Amino acid sequence: MKNILAIHTGGTISMSQDEGGAVVPNAQNPISNEISGLTNINVINEELFNLPSPHMTPQIMLQVKNRIQKAIEDGIDGVVVTHGTDSLEETAYFLDLTLPSDIPVVVTGAMRSSNEIGSDGFFNFKSAIQVAASDKSKHKGVLVVFNAAIYAARYVTKTHTTSVDTFKAPVYGALGTVEHGRVNFVQELIGSATTDIDHVIEPVYLLKTYTGMTETFFKAIDNYDTKGVVIEAMGAGNLPPKTVPAIEKMLQHKIPVILVSRCFMGYAQPVYAYEGGGVRLQQMGITFSENLNGPKARIKLIVGLSAGKTGNQLKEYMSNAIS
């Protein structure tokens, strides 16, 4: 018998549609009492929070991490976290960076509330439990299970505002599937070391570049309170030239600046040597972060800073895709 802890944090999976068609929170997650057809699996439900995903913060993510860590110490066999989909990938990646992967930890949610036609919450929840109870899922980091697919938290992202098939891993694809209770992995993920933290350092900002962008926003956040900045650059990692002087001053003030691409696929690389091009940006001291989108690079920077990483140690941590 496998004991699986289901930690409910809120989101659409815990909501219902009212008579007017609006989706509203429930006092208790309606799927927690609907699980059936699970052989040799004991599910322990726990309502930790009841938050829509835009209300999630790194501080709350740390509380989820601590609860899972306690469950691991108590001998639980696996953990499922239900979560709102808008920020699910950020929480999943935070957990992936900070939790040891000795047991399966799976994050899931729903795109349709519990009483909508075609609700996907129960199916995703049951699939996630089956993945968390499988020995095949051990030592794979934190996983995201959605619409019968299994993804690495490191690479998964929400791609559609309403589709039940919203979660994808654009470059690398799914790690596996769960069908009729059978868990199958078709890819092996290169493991990564985790970083234990007991507090969260903020604020860390995320800015997206656009044509004609100037230094206004960068000047506004160039102050003592700012702990770090992630920039979603154009293409392979290039910035409008008018942003560069302010960013250079931020670097002089010892504010870490991390660069990713705003593109849906691919990653930032120092290729171009024109003004604002990636080659010059790297020479200036900006760190290129491989294989991460903007929100995840921000989460990783928060974790790195919270662990006390600075200087070259922080640059290496942020530039290595599997650190």
Foldseek 3Di string as FASTA:
>chain_A
DAEEEEEEAAAQQQWDADPVRDIDHDPGRVLPPVDDDDPPYHYHYDYPHHDHQVPDDVQVLLVVLVVVVVVVVVPHQFYEYEHHQVCQLQSLLLNLQAPQQQAEYEYEYWLHHDPDVPTCSNVQVNQRRLLRNDPVRGQQGYWYTFPFFIARSLQWHAQDNRDSPGIFRVPPTTQFGADPSDTDGDDGDDAFDHFHFDDWQDDEEEEEADPPDAQVVLVVQLDPNHQEYEYADEDQWFHDLRNPVSVLVSVVVQHAYEYWHQDPDFIHDQDDDDRRGSVVVVVSPHAGAGNHHRSNLSSQLRRCVSSVDGDPRSSVSRNDSRD
